[in-house]
Amino acid sequence: MANIGFIGLGNMGGPMAANLVKAGHAVKVFDLSADAVAKAIEAGAGKAATIAEAASGVDFVVTVLPAGKHVLSVYEGADGVIANAKPGTVLIDSSTIEVDAARKASELARAAGLGAVDAPISGGTAGAAAGTLTFMVGGSDADFASAKPILEGMGSNIIHAGDSGAGQAVKICNNMVLGVSMIAVSEAFMLAKRLGLDAQKLFDISSKASGQCWSLTSYCPVPGPVPTSPANRDYQPGFAVDMMLKDLKLAQQAAASSGATTPMGALAESLYALYSNSGNGGMDFSAIVKMLDGEK
């Protein structure tokens, strides 16, 4: 059992903290939402009144926050995580943020005698609730080894991607593939529709042919072929349009700073931005098929 401070109890962080409690850890939580904190307390967590209290006297601090600026603001300052954590505490940031911000956060932690890993997640809200998330982890071998047992309380796939920032790099590369492939699969179904093909027939053939991919076989964007996909529940999000757009923007920022050429990623970002700006940011990202079908 470990003592863990947990900061950020949103759609992902809330169930992740609850799973750490289920795994037998002593967890104290902090969030600006009183309702989110109350729900975590119901699940067995303790309450930290401040960030400083969440970071004090624990072995690990887990953060799940919206952006790099939030992570750095929580880490820094006299009332922040770094100033109040005891030496040897390992900081686990499971936010999806800029690679440069992840590296800066790690440098700040190490300079203060703390361990640090960036450990962004894949698996959506369903994976967070089920404890089956995939963690892509950046950090030293020693910090990864320390963090792995904690991550295993929240996920089923824990992968060491490399040094600090590597977890974030893998996450944005992976989600660029996902965003582009979802658009391609959606276009194929809309073309098939206009050619008079049955969606199930296209699925049955493409899922066993060279067009097979996760966006088709696990998360099909049209109702019917994959009963568990959001298309069968009116595109209620597992992974929202705005979350996909955020990751595609991060990928484009990284591409620009590193000199990579990513034209398909850039086009995917522009299409998801168009769909989000039409008032659909809260829908599941697979609902992009509706825009490609001519719906607003």
C-alpha atoms as a PDB file:
ATOM      1  CA  MET A   1       0.000   0.000   0.000  1.00  0.00           C
ATOM      2  CA  ALA A   2       1.221   3.483  -0.853  1.00  0.00           C
ATOM      3  CA  ASN A   3       0.172   6.930   0.285  1.00  0.00           C
ATOM      4  CA  ILE A   4      -0.938   8.909  -2.750  1.00  0.00           C
ATOM      5  CA  GLY A   5      -1.970  12.494  -3.352  1.00  0.00           C
ATOM      6  CA  PHE A   6      -4.287  12.833  -6.350  1.00  0.00           C
ATOM      7  CA  ILE A   7      -4.963  16.181  -8.050  1.00  0.00           C
ATOM      8  CA  GLY A   8      -7.574  16.475 -10.813  1.00  0.00           C
ATOM      9  CA  LEU A   9     -10.827  14.534 -10.561  1.00  0.00           C
ATOM     10  CA  GLY A  10     -12.401  15.058 -13.961  1.00  0.00           C
ATOM     11  CA  ASN A  11     -13.973  12.433 -16.210  1.00  0.00           C
ATOM     12  CA  MET A  12     -10.719  10.472 -16.226  1.00  0.00           C
ATOM     13  CA  GLY A  13      -9.167  11.401 -12.892  1.00  0.00           C
ATOM     14  CA  GLY A  14     -12.225  10.610 -10.792  1.00  0.00           C
ATOM     15  CA  PRO A  15     -12.472   6.914 -11.681  1.00  0.00           C
ATOM     16  CA  MET A  16      -8.679   6.590 -11.695  1.00  0.00           C
ATOM     17  CA  ALA A  17      -8.511   7.785  -8.090  1.00  0.00           C
ATOM     18  CA  ALA A  18     -11.338   5.418  -7.150  1.00  0.00           C
ATOM     19  CA  ASN A  19      -9.427   2.490  -8.645  1.00  0.00           C
ATOM     20  CA  LEU A  20      -6.346   3.353  -6.598  1.00  0.00           C
ATOM     21  CA  VAL A  21      -8.523   3.152  -3.482  1.00  0.00           C
ATOM     22  CA  LYS A  22      -9.860  -0.229  -4.669  1.00  0.00           C
ATOM     23  CA  ALA A  23      -6.273  -1.390  -5.122  1.00  0.00           C
ATOM     24  CA  GLY A  24      -5.655  -0.779  -1.417  1.00  0.00           C
ATOM     25  CA  HIS A  25      -3.795   2.518  -1.526  1.00  0.00           C
ATOM     26  CA  ALA A  26      -4.425   5.417   0.842  1.00  0.00           C
ATOM     27  CA  VAL A  27      -5.490   8.274  -1.446  1.00  0.00           C
ATOM     28  CA  LYS A  28      -6.146  11.902  -0.577  1.00  0.00           C
ATOM     29  CA  VAL A  29      -7.641  14.056  -3.309  1.00  0.00           C
ATOM     30  CA  PHE A  30      -7.795  17.689  -4.355  1.00  0.00           C
ATOM     31  CA  ASP A  31      -9.978  19.282  -7.008  1.00  0.00           C
ATOM     32  CA  LEU A  32     -11.659  22.649  -7.483  1.00  0.00           C
ATOM     33  CA  SER A  33     -15.012  20.855  -7.895  1.00  0.00           C
ATOM     34  CA  ALA A  34     -16.645  20.101  -4.550  1.00  0.00           C
ATOM     35  CA  ASP A  35     -18.897  17.544  -6.242  1.00  0.00           C
ATOM     36  CA  ALA A  36     -15.922  15.676  -7.693  1.00  0.00           C
ATOM     37  CA  VAL A  37     -14.227  15.607  -4.302  1.00  0.00           C
ATOM     38  CA  ALA A  38     -17.419  14.378  -2.628  1.00  0.00           C
ATOM     39  CA  LYS A  39     -17.700  11.537  -5.123  1.00  0.00           C
ATOM     40  CA  ALA A  40     -14.092  10.521  -4.471  1.00  0.00           C
ATOM     41  CA  ILE A  41     -14.703  10.554  -0.726  1.00  0.00           C
ATOM     42  CA  GLU A  42     -17.708   8.276  -1.258  1.00  0.00           C
ATOM     43  CA  ALA A  43     -15.337   5.896  -3.049  1.00  0.00           C
ATOM     44  CA  GLY A  44     -13.064   5.824   0.005  1.00  0.00           C
ATOM     45  CA  ALA A  45     -10.569   8.629  -0.599  1.00  0.00           C
ATOM     46  CA  GLY A  46      -9.589  11.292   1.906  1.00  0.00           C
ATOM     47  CA  LYS A  47      -9.874  15.021   1.267  1.00  0.00           C
ATOM     48  CA  ALA A  48      -6.973  17.439   0.895  1.00  0.00           C
ATOM     49  CA  ALA A  49      -7.989  21.046   1.400  1.00  0.00           C
ATOM     50  CA  THR A  50      -5.114  22.386  -0.704  1.00  0.00           C
ATOM     51  CA  ILE A  51      -2.578  21.304  -3.298  1.00  0.00           C
ATOM     52  CA  ALA A  52       0.107  21.560  -0.620  1.00  0.00           C
ATOM     53  CA  GLU A  53      -1.810  19.182   1.632  1.00  0.00           C
ATOM     54  CA  ALA A  54      -2.314  16.719  -1.222  1.00  0.00           C
ATOM     55  CA  ALA A  55       1.446  16.661  -1.830  1.00  0.00           C
ATOM     56  CA  SER A  56       2.536  16.473   1.808  1.00  0.00           C
ATOM     57  CA  GLY A  57       3.512  13.195   3.459  1.00  0.00           C
ATOM     58  CA  VAL A  58       2.814  10.955   0.474  1.00  0.00           C
ATOM     59  CA  ASP A  59       4.886   8.585  -1.630  1.00  0.00           C
ATOM     60  CA  PHE A  60       3.355   9.563  -4.953  1.00  0.00           C
ATOM     61  CA  VAL A  61       1.437  12.509  -6.394  1.00  0.00           C
ATOM     62  CA  VAL A  62      -0.774  11.831  -9.427  1.00  0.00           C
ATOM     63  CA  THR A  63      -2.027  14.729 -11.547  1.00  0.00           C
ATOM     64  CA  VAL A  64      -4.638  14.609 -14.316  1.00  0.00           C
ATOM     65  CA  LEU A  65      -5.090  18.170 -15.565  1.00  0.00           C
ATOM     66  CA  PRO A  66      -6.259  19.912 -18.766  1.00  0.00           C
ATOM     67  CA  ALA A  67      -3.042  21.479 -20.097  1.00  0.00           C
ATOM     68  CA  GLY A  68       0.655  21.997 -19.521  1.00  0.00           C
ATOM     69  CA  LYS A  69       0.137  25.403 -17.942  1.00  0.00           C
ATOM     70  CA  HIS A  70      -2.066  23.811 -15.298  1.00  0.00           C
ATOM     71  CA  VAL A  71       0.478  21.103 -14.516  1.00  0.00           C
ATOM     72  CA  LEU A  72       3.293  23.627 -14.135  1.00  0.00           C
ATOM     73  CA  SER A  73       1.162  25.952 -12.001  1.00  0.00           C
ATOM     74  CA  VAL A  74       0.293  23.046  -9.677  1.00  0.00           C
ATOM     75  CA  TYR A  75       3.936  21.950  -9.470  1.00  0.00           C
ATOM     76  CA  GLU A  76       5.508  25.379  -8.910  1.00  0.00           C
ATOM     77  CA  GLY A  77       5.325  27.956  -6.132  1.00  0.00           C
ATOM     78  CA  ALA A  78       5.454  27.857  -2.361  1.00  0.00           C
ATOM     79  CA  ASP A  79       2.020  26.257  -2.213  1.00  0.00           C
ATOM     80  CA  GLY A  80       2.731  23.822  -5.049  1.00  0.00           C
ATOM     81  CA  VAL A  81       3.491  20.128  -5.220  1.00  0.00           C
ATOM     82  CA  ILE A  82       7.273  20.359  -5.490  1.00  0.00           C
ATOM     83  CA  ALA A  83       7.758  22.675  -2.523  1.00  0.00           C
ATOM     84  CA  ASN A  84       5.612  20.504  -0.260  1.00  0.00           C
ATOM     85  CA  ALA A  85       6.499  16.958  -1.302  1.00  0.00           C
ATOM     86  CA  LYS A  86       9.018  15.063   0.811  1.00  0.00           C
ATOM     87  CA  PRO A  87      12.324  14.034  -0.821  1.00  0.00           C
ATOM     88  CA  GLY A  88      11.965  10.904  -2.912  1.00  0.00           C
ATOM     89  CA  THR A  89       8.280  11.412  -3.708  1.00  0.00           C
ATOM     90  CA  VAL A  90       7.510  10.345  -7.275  1.00  0.00           C
ATOM     91  CA  LEU A  91       5.317  12.655  -9.349  1.00  0.00           C
ATOM     92  CA  ILE A  92       3.116  10.940 -11.934  1.00  0.00           C
ATOM     93  CA  ASP A  93       1.529  13.281 -14.445  1.00  0.00           C
ATOM     94  CA  SER A  94      -1.183  11.585 -16.478  1.00  0.00           C
ATOM     95  CA  SER A  95      -2.350  14.745 -18.214  1.00  0.00           C
ATOM     96  CA  THR A  96      -1.978  15.041 -21.986  1.00  0.00           C
ATOM     97  CA  ILE A  97       0.240  18.089 -22.459  1.00  0.00           C
ATOM     98  CA  GLU A  98       3.011  19.537 -24.608  1.00  0.00           C
ATOM     99  CA  VAL A  99       6.213  17.491 -24.745  1.00  0.00           C
ATOM    100  CA  ASP A 100       8.240  20.549 -23.737  1.00  0.00           C
ATOM    101  CA  ALA A 101       5.983  21.172 -20.722  1.00  0.00           C
ATOM    102  CA  ALA A 102       6.356  17.545 -19.634  1.00  0.00           C
ATOM    103  CA  ARG A 103      10.127  17.814 -19.830  1.00  0.00           C
ATOM    104  CA  LYS A 104      10.131  21.061 -17.866  1.00  0.00           C
ATOM    105  CA  ALA A 105       7.921  19.528 -15.156  1.00  0.00           C
ATOM    106  CA  SER A 106      10.299  16.586 -14.864  1.00  0.00           C
ATOM    107  CA  GLU A 107      13.356  18.867 -14.659  1.00  0.00           C
ATOM    108  CA  LEU A 108      11.749  20.902 -11.866  1.00  0.00           C
ATOM    109  CA  ALA A 109      10.926  17.751  -9.925  1.00  0.00           C
ATOM    110  CA  ARG A 110      14.384  16.199 -10.292  1.00  0.00           C
ATOM    111  CA  ALA A 111      16.076  19.451  -9.264  1.00  0.00           C
ATOM    112  CA  ALA A 112      14.136  19.238  -5.991  1.00  0.00           C
ATOM    113  CA  GLY A 113      15.123  15.636  -5.299  1.00  0.00           C
ATOM    114  CA  LEU A 114      11.854  14.125  -6.519  1.00  0.00           C
ATOM    115  CA  GLY A 115      11.126  11.435  -9.071  1.00  0.00           C
ATOM    116  CA  ALA A 116       8.916  12.212 -12.049  1.00  0.00           C
ATOM    117  CA  VAL A 117       7.254  10.470 -14.980  1.00  0.00           C
ATOM    118  CA  ASP A 118       4.919  11.678 -17.678  1.00  0.00           C
ATOM    119  CA  ALA A 119       2.283   8.973 -18.071  1.00  0.00           C
ATOM    120  CA  PRO A 120      -0.503  10.024 -20.440  1.00  0.00           C
ATOM    121  CA  ILE A 121      -3.337   7.612 -20.921  1.00  0.00           C
ATOM    122  CA  SER A 122      -5.358   5.894 -23.614  1.00  0.00           C
ATOM    123  CA  GLY A 123      -8.602   4.044 -23.125  1.00  0.00           C
ATOM    124  CA  GLY A 124     -11.205   6.745 -22.540  1.00  0.00           C
ATOM    125  CA  THR A 125     -13.680   7.021 -19.716  1.00  0.00           C
ATOM    126  CA  ALA A 126     -14.681   3.368 -20.043  1.00  0.00           C
ATOM    127  CA  GLY A 127     -11.073   2.290 -19.545  1.00  0.00           C
ATOM    128  CA  ALA A 128     -10.680   4.673 -16.618  1.00  0.00           C
ATOM    129  CA  ALA A 129     -13.735   3.187 -14.901  1.00  0.00           C
ATOM    130  CA  ALA A 130     -12.726  -0.413 -15.641  1.00  0.00           C
ATOM    131  CA  GLY A 131      -9.090   0.066 -14.660  1.00  0.00           C
ATOM    132  CA  THR A 132      -7.907  -1.060 -18.084  1.00  0.00           C
ATOM    133  CA  LEU A 133      -6.112   2.075 -19.254  1.00  0.00           C
ATOM    134  CA  THR A 134      -2.903   2.062 -21.263  1.00  0.00           C
ATOM    135  CA  PHE A 135      -0.153   4.253 -19.811  1.00  0.00           C
ATOM    136  CA  MET A 136       2.636   5.524 -22.069  1.00  0.00           C
ATOM    137  CA  VAL A 137       5.401   6.458 -19.670  1.00  0.00           C
ATOM    138  CA  GLY A 138       8.378   8.776 -20.034  1.00  0.00           C
ATOM    139  CA  GLY A 139      11.090   8.953 -17.385  1.00  0.00           C
ATOM    140  CA  SER A 140      14.183   7.248 -16.034  1.00  0.00           C
ATOM    141  CA  ASP A 141      14.302   3.477 -15.532  1.00  0.00           C
ATOM    142  CA  ALA A 142      14.273   3.987 -11.759  1.00  0.00           C
ATOM    143  CA  ASP A 143      11.291   6.343 -11.748  1.00  0.00           C
ATOM    144  CA  PHE A 144       9.381   4.060 -14.120  1.00  0.00           C
ATOM    145  CA  ALA A 145      10.016   1.103 -11.823  1.00  0.00           C
ATOM    146  CA  SER A 146       8.733   3.115  -8.851  1.00  0.00           C
ATOM    147  CA  ALA A 147       5.635   4.358 -10.643  1.00  0.00           C
ATOM    148  CA  LYS A 148       4.656   1.099 -12.351  1.00  0.00           C
ATOM    149  CA  PRO A 149       2.915  -0.545  -9.345  1.00  0.00           C
ATOM    150  CA  ILE A 150       0.782   2.570  -8.893  1.00  0.00           C
ATOM    151  CA  LEU A 151      -0.113   2.702 -12.570  1.00  0.00           C
ATOM    152  CA  GLU A 152      -1.061  -0.971 -12.447  1.00  0.00           C
ATOM    153  CA  GLY A 153      -3.837  -0.007 -10.051  1.00  0.00           C
ATOM    154  CA  MET A 154      -5.416   2.046 -12.829  1.00  0.00           C
ATOM    155  CA  GLY A 155      -4.446   0.275 -16.032  1.00  0.00           C
ATOM    156  CA  SER A 156      -3.651  -3.010 -17.706  1.00  0.00           C
ATOM    157  CA  ASN A 157      -0.933  -1.900 -20.123  1.00  0.00           C
ATOM    158  CA  ILE A 158       2.030   0.009 -18.674  1.00  0.00           C
ATOM    159  CA  ILE A 159       4.660   0.772 -21.310  1.00  0.00           C
ATOM    160  CA  HIS A 160       7.974   2.568 -20.806  1.00  0.00           C
ATOM    161  CA  ALA A 161       8.396   4.770 -23.878  1.00  0.00           C
ATOM    162  CA  GLY A 162      11.739   6.347 -23.004  1.00  0.00           C
ATOM    163  CA  ASP A 163      13.098   9.387 -21.184  1.00  0.00           C
ATOM    164  CA  SER A 164      11.084  12.346 -19.888  1.00  0.00           C
ATOM    165  CA  GLY A 165       8.588  13.578 -22.464  1.00  0.00           C
ATOM    166  CA  ALA A 166       8.535  10.300 -24.381  1.00  0.00           C
ATOM    167  CA  GLY A 167       5.152   9.331 -22.964  1.00  0.00           C
ATOM    168  CA  GLN A 168       3.616  12.547 -24.257  1.00  0.00           C
ATOM    169  CA  ALA A 169       5.360  12.127 -27.617  1.00  0.00           C
ATOM    170  CA  VAL A 170       3.928   8.634 -28.071  1.00  0.00           C
ATOM    171  CA  LYS A 171       0.462   9.783 -27.009  1.00  0.00           C
ATOM    172  CA  ILE A 172       0.206  12.579 -29.582  1.00  0.00           C
ATOM    173  CA  CYS A 173       1.635  10.393 -32.355  1.00  0.00           C
ATOM    174  CA  ASN A 174      -0.841   7.635 -31.527  1.00  0.00           C
ATOM    175  CA  ASN A 175      -3.809   9.986 -31.398  1.00  0.00           C
ATOM    176  CA  MET A 176      -2.836  11.636 -34.671  1.00  0.00           C
ATOM    177  CA  VAL A 177      -3.072   8.167 -36.235  1.00  0.00           C
ATOM    178  CA  LEU A 178      -6.436   7.693 -34.528  1.00  0.00           C
ATOM    179  CA  GLY A 179      -7.872  11.020 -35.697  1.00  0.00           C
ATOM    180  CA  VAL A 180      -6.739  10.520 -39.285  1.00  0.00           C
ATOM    181  CA  SER A 181      -7.934   6.907 -39.428  1.00  0.00           C
ATOM    182  CA  MET A 182     -11.363   7.758 -38.024  1.00  0.00           C
ATOM    183  CA  ILE A 183     -11.863  10.300 -40.780  1.00  0.00           C
ATOM    184  CA  ALA A 184     -10.745   7.779 -43.420  1.00  0.00           C
ATOM    185  CA  VAL A 185     -13.089   5.091 -42.081  1.00  0.00           C
ATOM    186  CA  SER A 186     -15.959   7.584 -41.916  1.00  0.00           C
ATOM    187  CA  GLU A 187     -15.339   8.688 -45.512  1.00  0.00           C
ATOM    188  CA  ALA A 188     -15.369   5.065 -46.631  1.00  0.00           C
ATOM    189  CA  PHE A 189     -18.750   4.407 -45.025  1.00  0.00           C
ATOM    190  CA  MET A 190     -20.235   7.561 -46.542  1.00  0.00           C
ATOM    191  CA  LEU A 191     -18.894   6.643 -49.984  1.00  0.00           C
ATOM    192  CA  ALA A 192     -20.305   3.136 -49.556  1.00  0.00           C
ATOM    193  CA  LYS A 193     -23.670   4.607 -48.574  1.00  0.00           C
ATOM    194  CA  ARG A 194     -23.830   6.644 -51.767  1.00  0.00           C
ATOM    195  CA  LEU A 195     -22.758   3.654 -53.841  1.00  0.00           C
ATOM    196  CA  GLY A 196     -25.643   1.629 -52.433  1.00  0.00           C
ATOM    197  CA  LEU A 197     -23.535  -0.671 -50.254  1.00  0.00           C
ATOM    198  CA  ASP A 198     -24.807  -2.033 -46.950  1.00  0.00           C
ATOM    199  CA  ALA A 199     -22.750  -0.775 -43.991  1.00  0.00           C
ATOM    200  CA  GLN A 200     -22.614  -4.215 -42.409  1.00  0.00           C
ATOM    201  CA  LYS A 201     -21.320  -5.758 -45.627  1.00  0.00           C
ATOM    202  CA  LEU A 202     -18.567  -3.151 -45.894  1.00  0.00           C
ATOM    203  CA  PHE A 203     -17.641  -3.801 -42.269  1.00  0.00           C
ATOM    204  CA  ASP A 204     -17.610  -7.579 -42.701  1.00  0.00           C
ATOM    205  CA  ILE A 205     -15.261  -7.339 -45.669  1.00  0.00           C
ATOM    206  CA  SER A 206     -12.993  -4.433 -44.656  1.00  0.00           C
ATOM    207  CA  SER A 207     -12.529  -5.743 -41.128  1.00  0.00           C
ATOM    208  CA  LYS A 208     -10.910  -8.834 -42.655  1.00  0.00           C
ATOM    209  CA  ALA A 209      -9.108  -7.056 -45.481  1.00  0.00           C
ATOM    210  CA  SER A 210      -6.359  -4.453 -45.810  1.00  0.00           C
ATOM    211  CA  GLY A 211      -8.628  -1.648 -44.535  1.00  0.00           C
ATOM    212  CA  GLN A 212      -8.746  -3.210 -41.061  1.00  0.00           C
ATOM    213  CA  CYS A 213      -7.903  -0.788 -38.234  1.00  0.00           C
ATOM    214  CA  TRP A 214      -9.022   0.033 -34.691  1.00  0.00           C
ATOM    215  CA  SER A 215     -11.294   2.874 -35.830  1.00  0.00           C
ATOM    216  CA  LEU A 216     -13.181   0.318 -37.912  1.00  0.00           C
ATOM    217  CA  THR A 217     -13.208  -2.865 -35.865  1.00  0.00           C
ATOM    218  CA  SER A 218     -13.394  -1.514 -32.315  1.00  0.00           C
ATOM    219  CA  TYR A 219     -14.975   1.925 -32.706  1.00  0.00           C
ATOM    220  CA  CYS A 220     -16.984   1.785 -35.932  1.00  0.00           C
ATOM    221  CA  PRO A 221     -18.464   5.266 -36.614  1.00  0.00           C
ATOM    222  CA  VAL A 222     -21.794   4.028 -37.986  1.00  0.00           C
ATOM    223  CA  PRO A 223     -24.513   2.261 -35.968  1.00  0.00           C
ATOM    224  CA  GLY A 224     -24.771  -1.493 -36.142  1.00  0.00           C
ATOM    225  CA  PRO A 225     -21.510  -3.315 -36.863  1.00  0.00           C
ATOM    226  CA  VAL A 226     -19.845  -2.776 -33.444  1.00  0.00           C
ATOM    227  CA  PRO A 227     -22.579  -2.753 -30.755  1.00  0.00           C
ATOM    228  CA  THR A 228     -20.314  -1.140 -28.128  1.00  0.00           C
ATOM    229  CA  SER A 229     -19.282   1.829 -30.279  1.00  0.00           C
ATOM    230  CA  PRO A 230     -20.658   5.329 -29.465  1.00  0.00           C
ATOM    231  CA  ALA A 231     -22.493   5.315 -32.807  1.00  0.00           C
ATOM    232  CA  ASN A 232     -25.042   3.050 -31.116  1.00  0.00           C
ATOM    233  CA  ARG A 233     -25.706   5.486 -28.263  1.00  0.00           C
ATOM    234  CA  ASP A 234     -26.181   8.673 -30.277  1.00  0.00           C
ATOM    235  CA  TYR A 235     -22.439   9.455 -30.113  1.00  0.00           C
ATOM    236  CA  GLN A 236     -22.308  10.081 -26.399  1.00  0.00           C
ATOM    237  CA  PRO A 237     -18.599  10.476 -25.764  1.00  0.00           C
ATOM    238  CA  GLY A 238     -16.083   8.022 -24.689  1.00  0.00           C
ATOM    239  CA  PHE A 239     -13.535  10.411 -26.238  1.00  0.00           C
ATOM    240  CA  ALA A 240     -14.975  13.793 -27.159  1.00  0.00           C
ATOM    241  CA  VAL A 241     -14.376  15.829 -30.311  1.00  0.00           C
ATOM    242  CA  ASP A 242     -12.711  18.580 -28.279  1.00  0.00           C
ATOM    243  CA  MET A 243     -10.339  16.083 -26.670  1.00  0.00           C
ATOM    244  CA  MET A 244      -9.321  14.759 -30.079  1.00  0.00           C
ATOM    245  CA  LEU A 245      -8.903  18.323 -31.312  1.00  0.00           C
ATOM    246  CA  LYS A 246      -6.667  19.113 -28.346  1.00  0.00           C
ATOM    247  CA  ASP A 247      -4.401  16.153 -29.139  1.00  0.00           C
ATOM    248  CA  LEU A 248      -4.264  16.997 -32.837  1.00  0.00           C
ATOM    249  CA  LYS A 249      -3.268  20.565 -31.960  1.00  0.00           C
ATOM    250  CA  LEU A 250      -0.519  19.234 -29.697  1.00  0.00           C
ATOM    251  CA  ALA A 251       0.679  17.019 -32.542  1.00  0.00           C
ATOM    252  CA  GLN A 252       0.808  19.978 -34.914  1.00  0.00           C
ATOM    253  CA  GLN A 253       2.678  22.086 -32.366  1.00  0.00           C
ATOM    254  CA  ALA A 254       5.202  19.284 -31.950  1.00  0.00           C
ATOM    255  CA  ALA A 255       5.490  18.860 -35.718  1.00  0.00           C
ATOM    256  CA  ALA A 256       6.194  22.565 -36.157  1.00  0.00           C
ATOM    257  CA  SER A 257       8.817  22.671 -33.408  1.00  0.00           C
ATOM    258  CA  SER A 258      10.573  19.504 -34.587  1.00  0.00           C
ATOM    259  CA  GLY A 259      10.392  20.117 -38.331  1.00  0.00           C
ATOM    260  CA  ALA A 260       8.185  17.088 -39.058  1.00  0.00           C
ATOM    261  CA  THR A 261       5.875  17.059 -42.086  1.00  0.00           C
ATOM    262  CA  THR A 262       2.359  15.919 -41.149  1.00  0.00           C
ATOM    263  CA  PRO A 263      -0.136  17.025 -43.850  1.00  0.00           C
ATOM    264  CA  MET A 264      -2.763  14.420 -42.945  1.00  0.00           C
ATOM    265  CA  GLY A 265      -2.518  15.369 -39.278  1.00  0.00           C
ATOM    266  CA  ALA A 266      -2.962  19.027 -40.209  1.00  0.00           C
ATOM    267  CA  LEU A 267      -6.032  18.240 -42.300  1.00  0.00           C
ATOM    268  CA  ALA A 268      -7.515  16.129 -39.506  1.00  0.00           C
ATOM    269  CA  GLU A 269      -7.022  19.027 -37.089  1.00  0.00           C
ATOM    270  CA  SER A 270      -8.809  21.424 -39.433  1.00  0.00           C
ATOM    271  CA  LEU A 271     -11.767  19.053 -39.911  1.00  0.00           C
ATOM    272  CA  TYR A 272     -12.187  18.440 -36.180  1.00  0.00           C
ATOM    273  CA  ALA A 273     -11.892  22.182 -35.542  1.00  0.00           C
ATOM    274  CA  LEU A 274     -14.660  22.802 -38.076  1.00  0.00           C
ATOM    275  CA  TYR A 275     -16.882  20.199 -36.440  1.00  0.00           C
ATOM    276  CA  SER A 276     -16.171  21.511 -32.944  1.00  0.00           C
ATOM    277  CA  ASN A 277     -16.869  25.091 -33.980  1.00  0.00           C
ATOM    278  CA  SER A 278     -20.267  23.956 -35.257  1.00  0.00           C
ATOM    279  CA  GLY A 279     -21.249  23.185 -31.666  1.00  0.00           C
ATOM    280  CA  ASN A 280     -20.291  19.512 -31.575  1.00  0.00           C
ATOM    281  CA  GLY A 281     -17.250  19.605 -29.296  1.00  0.00           C
ATOM    282  CA  GLY A 282     -18.936  17.473 -26.639  1.00  0.00           C
ATOM    283  CA  MET A 283     -19.884  14.624 -28.964  1.00  0.00           C
ATOM    284  CA  ASP A 284     -17.770  11.527 -29.413  1.00  0.00           C
ATOM    285  CA  PHE A 285     -14.995  12.070 -31.951  1.00  0.00           C
ATOM    286  CA  SER A 286     -16.440   9.330 -34.178  1.00  0.00           C
ATOM    287  CA  ALA A 287     -19.422  11.623 -34.793  1.00  0.00           C
ATOM    288  CA  ILE A 288     -17.237  13.334 -37.419  1.00  0.00           C
ATOM    289  CA  VAL A 289     -19.004  10.874 -39.735  1.00  0.00           C
ATOM    290  CA  LYS A 290     -22.145  13.003 -39.390  1.00  0.00           C
ATOM    291  CA  MET A 291     -20.374  16.064 -40.782  1.00  0.00           C
ATOM    292  CA  LEU A 292     -18.990  13.978 -43.655  1.00  0.00           C
ATOM    293  CA  ASP A 293     -22.544  12.816 -44.310  1.00  0.00           C
ATOM    294  CA  GLY A 294     -23.624  16.414 -44.743  1.00  0.00           C
ATOM    295  CA  GLU A 295     -25.090  16.963 -41.262  1.00  0.00           C
ATOM    296  CA  LYS A 296     -24.143  19.992 -39.164  1.00  0.00           C
END
